[in-house]
Structures are given as structure tokens and as C-alpha cells.
Amino acid sequence: MRKIVIALLLISIITTSAYAVNIFDRALYKKVLLLAIHRFVLVNRVTGEVKYIMGFNRKWALVPKALQVQYRSMYIAQTAPK
């Protein structure tokens, strides 16, 4: 039983393409669709910072610092109560 649990843990650590770069970032980021640009981004749950964007090849890419402010303002405008 212990070997099965260890094998499943190793597989889950290796296969990290679901949300973030690694398994520990999954709990920290949430996947959000920005309606202004029709792209998925990963937003930090604590700070609201946009750090990753899904590219056209369906892989996560790091957002450049110059665009992080723009994407964060888009996210805030989208989630602000109206």
C-alpha cells in the first residue's frame, strides 16, 4: 500500500501541466479567463498578481513585468462589483 501511495505522489509531482509550473503553485494560483483578451491567466489568490498566461500552444508562460500591471488591472476591473 505504501508503494502505491509513493508512486502516485511521484506521478502527481511529475505531471504538473494542469495549472501552474509545479504542484506547489496550484494551491497558490487560480485559473481565470480574462474576457478583455480572451486568454486564461493564473492569478495569485493572495496578492491578485497575474504571473502566468496560457499561450496559443496551450502551455503556461511567464508574463513579462511590463504586462503584469495591465493584466492585473483587467482582472480587477472584471471582478469588481458593479
PDB file of N, CA and C in Angstrom:
ATOM      1  N   MET A   1       0.821  -1.196   0.000  1.00  0.00           N
ATOM      2  CA  MET A   1       0.000   0.000   0.000  1.00  0.00           C
ATOM      3  C   MET A   1       0.863   1.258   0.000  1.00  0.00           C
ATOM      4  N   ARG A   2       1.941   1.223   0.758  1.00  0.00           N
ATOM      5  CA  ARG A   2       2.830   2.362   0.852  1.00  0.00           C
ATOM      6  C   ARG A   2       3.507   2.648  -0.491  1.00  0.00           C
ATOM      7  N   LYS A   3       3.840   1.587  -1.215  1.00  0.00           N
ATOM      8  CA  LYS A   3       4.480   1.754  -2.521  1.00  0.00           C
ATOM      9  C   LYS A   3       3.522   2.416  -3.518  1.00  0.00           C
ATOM     10  N   ILE A   4       2.254   2.086  -3.432  1.00  0.00           N
ATOM     11  CA  ILE A   4       1.264   2.673  -4.334  1.00  0.00           C
ATOM     12  C   ILE A   4       1.108   4.160  -4.058  1.00  0.00           C
ATOM     13  N   VAL A   5       1.067   4.528  -2.790  1.00  0.00           N
ATOM     14  CA  VAL A   5       0.927   5.934  -2.423  1.00  0.00           C
ATOM     15  C   VAL A   5       2.146   6.728  -2.876  1.00  0.00           C
ATOM     16  N   ILE A   6       3.324   6.182  -2.672  1.00  0.00           N
ATOM     17  CA  ILE A   6       4.550   6.855  -3.097  1.00  0.00           C
ATOM     18  C   ILE A   6       4.581   6.989  -4.616  1.00  0.00           C
ATOM     19  N   ALA A   7       4.175   5.953  -5.329  1.00  0.00           N
ATOM     20  CA  ALA A   7       4.148   6.024  -6.792  1.00  0.00           C
ATOM     21  C   ALA A   7       3.168   7.086  -7.277  1.00  0.00           C
ATOM     22  N   LEU A   8       2.003   7.170  -6.656  1.00  0.00           N
ATOM     23  CA  LEU A   8       1.027   8.196  -7.038  1.00  0.00           C
ATOM     24  C   LEU A   8       1.537   9.594  -6.738  1.00  0.00           C
ATOM     25  N   LEU A   9       2.222   9.773  -5.629  1.00  0.00           N
ATOM     26  CA  LEU A   9       2.808  11.072  -5.310  1.00  0.00           C
ATOM     27  C   LEU A   9       3.862  11.480  -6.333  1.00  0.00           C
ATOM     28  N   LEU A  10       4.708  10.540  -6.713  1.00  0.00           N
ATOM     29  CA  LEU A  10       5.734  10.846  -7.709  1.00  0.00           C
ATOM     30  C   LEU A  10       5.112  11.185  -9.056  1.00  0.00           C
ATOM     31  N   ILE A  11       4.087  10.467  -9.441  1.00  0.00           N
ATOM     32  CA  ILE A  11       3.407  10.759 -10.715  1.00  0.00           C
ATOM     33  C   ILE A  11       2.754  12.133 -10.668  1.00  0.00           C
ATOM     34  N   SER A  12       2.133  12.479  -9.557  1.00  0.00           N
ATOM     35  CA  SER A  12       1.475  13.789  -9.461  1.00  0.00           C
ATOM     36  C   SER A  12       2.487  14.930  -9.463  1.00  0.00           C
ATOM     37  N   ILE A  13       3.663  14.712  -8.925  1.00  0.00           N
ATOM     38  CA  ILE A  13       4.698  15.744  -8.954  1.00  0.00           C
ATOM     39  C   ILE A  13       5.260  15.906 -10.359  1.00  0.00           C
ATOM     40  N   ILE A  14       5.423  14.809 -11.060  1.00  0.00           N
ATOM     41  CA  ILE A  14       5.984  14.871 -12.409  1.00  0.00           C
ATOM     42  C   ILE A  14       5.006  15.490 -13.395  1.00  0.00           C
ATOM     43  N   THR A  15       3.745  15.134 -13.319  1.00  0.00           N
ATOM     44  CA  THR A  15       2.747  15.658 -14.249  1.00  0.00           C
ATOM     45  C   THR A  15       2.128  16.917 -13.673  1.00  0.00           C
ATOM     46  N   THR A  16       2.722  18.057 -13.982  1.00  0.00           N
ATOM     47  CA  THR A  16       2.276  19.324 -13.403  1.00  0.00           C
ATOM     48  C   THR A  16       1.751  20.286 -14.461  1.00  0.00           C
ATOM     49  N   SER A  17       1.273  19.789 -15.566  1.00  0.00           N
ATOM     50  CA  SER A  17       0.849  20.684 -16.634  1.00  0.00           C
ATOM     51  C   SER A  17      -0.578  21.180 -16.471  1.00  0.00           C
ATOM     52  N   ALA A  18      -1.259  20.800 -15.421  1.00  0.00           N
ATOM     53  CA  ALA A  18      -2.669  21.178 -15.279  1.00  0.00           C
ATOM     54  C   ALA A  18      -2.844  22.672 -15.055  1.00  0.00           C
ATOM     55  N   TYR A  19      -2.199  23.250 -14.085  1.00  0.00           N
ATOM     56  CA  TYR A  19      -2.428  24.665 -13.800  1.00  0.00           C
ATOM     57  C   TYR A  19      -1.153  25.483 -13.798  1.00  0.00           C
ATOM     58  N   ALA A  20      -0.237  25.144 -12.972  1.00  0.00           N
ATOM     59  CA  ALA A  20       0.918  26.009 -12.778  1.00  0.00           C
ATOM     60  C   ALA A  20       2.204  25.262 -13.114  1.00  0.00           C
ATOM     61  N   VAL A  21       3.286  25.938 -12.877  1.00  0.00           N
ATOM     62  CA  VAL A  21       4.583  25.379 -13.222  1.00  0.00           C
ATOM     63  C   VAL A  21       4.904  24.167 -12.380  1.00  0.00           C
ATOM     64  N   ASN A  22       4.595  24.171 -11.106  1.00  0.00           N
ATOM     65  CA  ASN A  22       4.812  22.984 -10.287  1.00  0.00           C
ATOM     66  C   ASN A  22       3.604  22.746  -9.385  1.00  0.00           C
ATOM     67  N   ILE A  23       3.610  21.651  -8.700  1.00  0.00           N
ATOM     68  CA  ILE A  23       2.439  21.232  -7.919  1.00  0.00           C
ATOM     69  C   ILE A  23       2.180  22.155  -6.734  1.00  0.00           C
ATOM     70  N   PHE A  24       3.199  22.805  -6.217  1.00  0.00           N
ATOM     71  CA  PHE A  24       3.012  23.666  -5.055  1.00  0.00           C
ATOM     72  C   PHE A  24       2.350  24.991  -5.435  1.00  0.00           C
ATOM     73  N   ASP A  25       2.508  25.411  -6.699  1.00  0.00           N
ATOM     74  CA  ASP A  25       1.864  26.641  -7.153  1.00  0.00           C
ATOM     75  C   ASP A  25       0.377  26.457  -7.431  1.00  0.00           C
ATOM     76  N   ARG A  26      -0.095  25.246  -7.561  1.00  0.00           N
ATOM     77  CA  ARG A  26      -1.511  25.014  -7.850  1.00  0.00           C
ATOM     78  C   ARG A  26      -2.419  25.572  -6.774  1.00  0.00           C
ATOM     79  N   ALA A  27      -2.007  25.440  -5.522  1.00  0.00           N
ATOM     80  CA  ALA A  27      -2.832  25.939  -4.429  1.00  0.00           C
ATOM     81  C   ALA A  27      -2.755  27.455  -4.321  1.00  0.00           C
ATOM     82  N   LEU A  28      -1.696  28.044  -4.834  1.00  0.00           N
ATOM     83  CA  LEU A  28      -1.488  29.474  -4.710  1.00  0.00           C
ATOM     84  C   LEU A  28      -2.167  30.270  -5.820  1.00  0.00           C
ATOM     85  N   TYR A  29      -2.347  29.667  -6.998  1.00  0.00           N
ATOM     86  CA  TYR A  29      -2.900  30.386  -8.139  1.00  0.00           C
ATOM     87  C   TYR A  29      -4.264  29.830  -8.533  1.00  0.00           C
ATOM     88  N   LYS A  30      -5.096  30.704  -9.102  1.00  0.00           N
ATOM     89  CA  LYS A  30      -6.370  30.253  -9.653  1.00  0.00           C
ATOM     90  C   LYS A  30      -6.426  30.637 -11.129  1.00  0.00           C
ATOM     91  N   LYS A  31      -7.050  29.781 -11.904  1.00  0.00           N
ATOM     92  CA  LYS A  31      -7.149  29.968 -13.352  1.00  0.00           C
ATOM     93  C   LYS A  31      -8.353  30.860 -13.648  1.00  0.00           C
ATOM     94  N   VAL A  32      -8.108  31.955 -14.385  1.00  0.00           N
ATOM     95  CA  VAL A  32      -9.150  32.932 -14.682  1.00  0.00           C
ATOM     96  C   VAL A  32      -9.104  33.258 -16.168  1.00  0.00           C
ATOM     97  N   LEU A  33     -10.278  33.365 -16.776  1.00  0.00           N
ATOM     98  CA  LEU A  33     -10.373  33.793 -18.168  1.00  0.00           C
ATOM     99  C   LEU A  33     -10.547  35.300 -18.192  1.00  0.00           C
ATOM    100  N   LEU A  34      -9.584  36.011 -18.779  1.00  0.00           N
ATOM    101  CA  LEU A  34      -9.719  37.455 -18.936  1.00  0.00           C
ATOM    102  C   LEU A  34     -10.558  37.714 -20.180  1.00  0.00           C
ATOM    103  N   LEU A  35     -11.722  38.277 -19.976  1.00  0.00           N
ATOM    104  CA  LEU A  35     -12.652  38.479 -21.083  1.00  0.00           C
ATOM    105  C   LEU A  35     -12.164  39.545 -22.059  1.00  0.00           C
ATOM    106  N   ALA A  36     -11.364  40.490 -21.606  1.00  0.00           N
ATOM    107  CA  ALA A  36     -10.885  41.559 -22.478  1.00  0.00           C
ATOM    108  C   ALA A  36      -9.955  41.035 -23.566  1.00  0.00           C
ATOM    109  N   ILE A  37      -9.168  40.009 -23.245  1.00  0.00           N
ATOM    110  CA  ILE A  37      -8.218  39.481 -24.230  1.00  0.00           C
ATOM    111  C   ILE A  37      -8.510  38.034 -24.612  1.00  0.00           C
ATOM    112  N   HIS A  38      -9.530  37.424 -24.000  1.00  0.00           N
ATOM    113  CA  HIS A  38      -9.931  36.039 -24.270  1.00  0.00           C
ATOM    114  C   HIS A  38      -8.778  35.066 -24.088  1.00  0.00           C
ATOM    115  N   ARG A  39      -8.053  35.219 -22.983  1.00  0.00           N
ATOM    116  CA  ARG A  39      -6.944  34.336 -22.653  1.00  0.00           C
ATOM    117  C   ARG A  39      -7.039  33.961 -21.182  1.00  0.00           C
ATOM    118  N   PHE A  40      -6.551  32.767 -20.861  1.00  0.00           N
ATOM    119  CA  PHE A  40      -6.500  32.316 -19.479  1.00  0.00           C
ATOM    120  C   PHE A  40      -5.223  32.820 -18.825  1.00  0.00           C
ATOM    121  N   VAL A  41      -5.340  33.236 -17.577  1.00  0.00           N
ATOM    122  CA  VAL A  41      -4.191  33.659 -16.790  1.00  0.00           C
ATOM    123  C   VAL A  41      -4.264  32.980 -15.431  1.00  0.00           C
ATOM    124  N   LEU A  42      -3.135  32.903 -14.767  1.00  0.00           N
ATOM    125  CA  LEU A  42      -3.093  32.402 -13.396  1.00  0.00           C
ATOM    126  C   LEU A  42      -2.900  33.585 -12.465  1.00  0.00           C
ATOM    127  N   VAL A  43      -3.844  33.748 -11.541  1.00  0.00           N
ATOM    128  CA  VAL A  43      -3.841  34.874 -10.628  1.00  0.00           C
ATOM    129  C   VAL A  43      -3.508  34.367  -9.236  1.00  0.00           C
ATOM    130  N   ASN A  44      -2.592  35.051  -8.585  1.00  0.00           N
ATOM    131  CA  ASN A  44      -2.235  34.718  -7.207  1.00  0.00           C
ATOM    132  C   ASN A  44      -3.430  34.977  -6.319  1.00  0.00           C
ATOM    133  N   ARG A  45      -3.837  33.987  -5.541  1.00  0.00           N
ATOM    134  CA  ARG A  45      -5.021  34.111  -4.687  1.00  0.00           C
ATOM    135  C   ARG A  45      -4.839  35.137  -3.580  1.00  0.00           C
ATOM    136  N   VAL A  46      -3.623  35.344  -3.133  1.00  0.00           N
ATOM    137  CA  VAL A  46      -3.366  36.230  -2.006  1.00  0.00           C
ATOM    138  C   VAL A  46      -3.183  37.680  -2.460  1.00  0.00           C
ATOM    139  N   THR A  47      -2.324  37.893  -3.459  1.00  0.00           N
ATOM    140  CA  THR A  47      -1.967  39.257  -3.856  1.00  0.00           C
ATOM    141  C   THR A  47      -2.748  39.763  -5.067  1.00  0.00           C
ATOM    142  N   GLY A  48      -3.354  38.873  -5.840  1.00  0.00           N
ATOM    143  CA  GLY A  48      -4.053  39.289  -7.046  1.00  0.00           C
ATOM    144  C   GLY A  48      -3.125  39.531  -8.216  1.00  0.00           C
ATOM    145  N   GLU A  49      -1.871  39.158  -8.093  1.00  0.00           N
ATOM    146  CA  GLU A  49      -0.883  39.366  -9.145  1.00  0.00           C
ATOM    147  C   GLU A  49      -1.053  38.316 -10.243  1.00  0.00           C
ATOM    148  N   VAL A  50      -0.989  38.751 -11.486  1.00  0.00           N
ATOM    149  CA  VAL A  50      -1.057  37.847 -12.632  1.00  0.00           C
ATOM    150  C   VAL A  50       0.375  37.479 -13.003  1.00  0.00           C
ATOM    151  N   LYS A  51       0.685  36.191 -12.903  1.00  0.00           N
ATOM    152  CA  LYS A  51       2.073  35.782 -13.127  1.00  0.00           C
ATOM    153  C   LYS A  51       2.240  34.930 -14.393  1.00  0.00           C
ATOM    154  N   TYR A  52       1.244  34.125 -14.741  1.00  0.00           N
ATOM    155  CA  TYR A  52       1.350  33.240 -15.896  1.00  0.00           C
ATOM    156  C   TYR A  52       0.189  33.483 -16.847  1.00  0.00           C
ATOM    157  N   ILE A  53       0.432  33.258 -18.137  1.00  0.00           N
ATOM    158  CA  ILE A  53      -0.606  33.358 -19.149  1.00  0.00           C
ATOM    159  C   ILE A  53      -0.505  32.117 -20.037  1.00  0.00           C
ATOM    160  N   MET A  54      -1.673  31.636 -20.471  1.00  0.00           N
ATOM    161  CA  MET A  54      -1.669  30.466 -21.339  1.00  0.00           C
ATOM    162  C   MET A  54      -1.407  30.921 -22.773  1.00  0.00           C
ATOM    163  N   GLY A  55      -0.382  30.360 -23.361  1.00  0.00           N
ATOM    164  CA  GLY A  55      -0.029  30.711 -24.730  1.00  0.00           C
ATOM    165  C   GLY A  55      -0.936  30.015 -25.733  1.00  0.00           C
ATOM    166  N   PHE A  56      -0.724  30.320 -26.990  1.00  0.00           N
ATOM    167  CA  PHE A  56      -1.533  29.711 -28.037  1.00  0.00           C
ATOM    168  C   PHE A  56      -1.234  28.233 -28.210  1.00  0.00           C
ATOM    169  N   ASN A  57      -0.101  27.782 -27.683  1.00  0.00           N
ATOM    170  CA  ASN A  57       0.262  26.373 -27.746  1.00  0.00           C
ATOM    171  C   ASN A  57      -0.213  25.606 -26.510  1.00  0.00           C
ATOM    172  N   ARG A  58      -1.114  26.220 -25.714  1.00  0.00           N
ATOM    173  CA  ARG A  58      -1.713  25.614 -24.517  1.00  0.00           C
ATOM    174  C   ARG A  58      -0.692  25.331 -23.419  1.00  0.00           C
ATOM    175  N   LYS A  59       0.379  26.110 -23.353  1.00  0.00           N
ATOM    176  CA  LYS A  59       1.371  25.982 -22.289  1.00  0.00           C
ATOM    177  C   LYS A  59       1.447  27.297 -21.539  1.00  0.00           C
ATOM    178  N   TRP A  60       1.759  27.210 -20.251  1.00  0.00           N
ATOM    179  CA  TRP A  60       1.834  28.396 -19.422  1.00  0.00           C
ATOM    180  C   TRP A  60       3.159  29.099 -19.636  1.00  0.00           C
ATOM    181  N   ALA A  61       3.093  30.414 -19.788  1.00  0.00           N
ATOM    182  CA  ALA A  61       4.293  31.226 -19.964  1.00  0.00           C
ATOM    183  C   ALA A  61       4.301  32.324 -18.909  1.00  0.00           C
ATOM    184  N   LEU A  62       5.480  32.696 -18.492  1.00  0.00           N
ATOM    185  CA  LEU A  62       5.639  33.754 -17.511  1.00  0.00           C
ATOM    186  C   LEU A  62       5.302  35.093 -18.164  1.00  0.00           C
ATOM    187  N   VAL A  63       4.503  35.900 -17.496  1.00  0.00           N
ATOM    188  CA  VAL A  63       4.110  37.208 -18.019  1.00  0.00           C
ATOM    189  C   VAL A  63       5.240  38.196 -17.743  1.00  0.00           C
ATOM    190  N   PRO A  64       5.648  38.967 -18.756  1.00  0.00           N
ATOM    191  CA  PRO A  64       6.686  39.981 -18.520  1.00  0.00           C
ATOM    192  C   PRO A  64       6.198  41.031 -17.519  1.00  0.00           C
ATOM    193  N   LYS A  65       7.140  41.632 -16.808  1.00  0.00           N
ATOM    194  CA  LYS A  65       6.810  42.616 -15.780  1.00  0.00           C
ATOM    195  C   LYS A  65       6.004  43.787 -16.351  1.00  0.00           C
ATOM    196  N   ALA A  66       6.303  44.184 -17.591  1.00  0.00           N
ATOM    197  CA  ALA A  66       5.605  45.324 -18.191  1.00  0.00           C
ATOM    198  C   ALA A  66       4.116  45.033 -18.397  1.00  0.00           C
ATOM    199  N   LEU A  67       3.760  43.773 -18.644  1.00  0.00           N
ATOM    200  CA  LEU A  67       2.371  43.418 -18.898  1.00  0.00           C
ATOM    201  C   LEU A  67       1.618  42.990 -17.646  1.00  0.00           C
ATOM    202  N   GLN A  68       2.331  42.680 -16.566  1.00  0.00           N
ATOM    203  CA  GLN A  68       1.669  42.232 -15.343  1.00  0.00           C
ATOM    204  C   GLN A  68       0.713  43.281 -14.798  1.00  0.00           C
ATOM    205  N   VAL A  69       1.090  44.554 -14.885  1.00  0.00           N
ATOM    206  CA  VAL A  69       0.237  45.629 -14.372  1.00  0.00           C
ATOM    207  C   VAL A  69      -1.034  45.727 -15.201  1.00  0.00           C
ATOM    208  N   GLN A  70      -0.907  45.601 -16.522  1.00  0.00           N
ATOM    209  CA  GLN A  70      -2.078  45.666 -17.396  1.00  0.00           C
ATOM    210  C   GLN A  70      -3.034  44.511 -17.127  1.00  0.00           C
ATOM    211  N   TYR A  71      -2.510  43.303 -17.042  1.00  0.00           N
ATOM    212  CA  TYR A  71      -3.351  42.139 -16.820  1.00  0.00           C
ATOM    213  C   TYR A  71      -4.006  42.180 -15.444  1.00  0.00           C
ATOM    214  N   ARG A  72      -3.281  42.692 -14.456  1.00  0.00           N
ATOM    215  CA  ARG A  72      -3.863  42.795 -13.123  1.00  0.00           C
ATOM    216  C   ARG A  72      -5.013  43.804 -13.120  1.00  0.00           C
ATOM    217  N   SER A  73      -4.849  44.924 -13.823  1.00  0.00           N
ATOM    218  CA  SER A  73      -5.933  45.903 -13.870  1.00  0.00           C
ATOM    219  C   SER A  73      -7.138  45.343 -14.625  1.00  0.00           C
ATOM    220  N   MET A  74      -6.906  44.533 -15.662  1.00  0.00           N
ATOM    221  CA  MET A  74      -8.007  43.871 -16.364  1.00  0.00           C
ATOM    222  C   MET A  74      -8.740  42.912 -15.430  1.00  0.00           C
ATOM    223  N   TYR A  75      -7.984  42.164 -14.634  1.00  0.00           N
ATOM    224  CA  TYR A  75      -8.582  41.222 -13.696  1.00  0.00           C
ATOM    225  C   TYR A  75      -9.396  41.948 -12.632  1.00  0.00           C
ATOM    226  N   ILE A  76      -8.864  43.029 -12.091  1.00  0.00           N
ATOM    227  CA  ILE A  76      -9.569  43.789 -11.067  1.00  0.00           C
ATOM    228  C   ILE A  76     -10.845  44.399 -11.638  1.00  0.00           C
ATOM    229  N   ALA A  77     -10.761  44.941 -12.862  1.00  0.00           N
ATOM    230  CA  ALA A  77     -11.951  45.518 -13.484  1.00  0.00           C
ATOM    231  C   ALA A  77     -13.012  44.463 -13.765  1.00  0.00           C
ATOM    232  N   GLN A  78     -12.577  43.264 -14.087  1.00  0.00           N
ATOM    233  CA  GLN A  78     -13.519  42.175 -14.389  1.00  0.00           C
ATOM    234  C   GLN A  78     -14.201  41.664 -13.128  1.00  0.00           C
ATOM    235  N   THR A  79     -13.489  41.637 -12.026  1.00  0.00           N
ATOM    236  CA  THR A  79     -14.049  41.056 -10.802  1.00  0.00           C
ATOM    237  C   THR A  79     -14.655  42.091  -9.862  1.00  0.00           C
ATOM    238  N   ALA A  80     -14.514  43.360 -10.165  1.00  0.00           N
ATOM    239  CA  ALA A  80     -15.061  44.408  -9.295  1.00  0.00           C
ATOM    240  C   ALA A  80     -16.590  44.361  -9.330  1.00  0.00           C
ATOM    241  N   PRO A  81     -17.222  44.564  -8.192  1.00  0.00           N
ATOM    242  CA  PRO A  81     -18.698  44.583  -8.183  1.00  0.00           C
ATOM    243  C   PRO A  81     -19.219  45.791  -8.947  1.00  0.00           C
ATOM    244  N   LYS A  82     -20.315  45.563  -9.644  1.00  0.00           N
ATOM    245  CA  LYS A  82     -20.871  46.645 -10.476  1.00  0.00           C
ATOM    246  C   LYS A  82     -22.046  47.297  -9.832  1.00  0.00           C
TER     247      LYS A  82
END
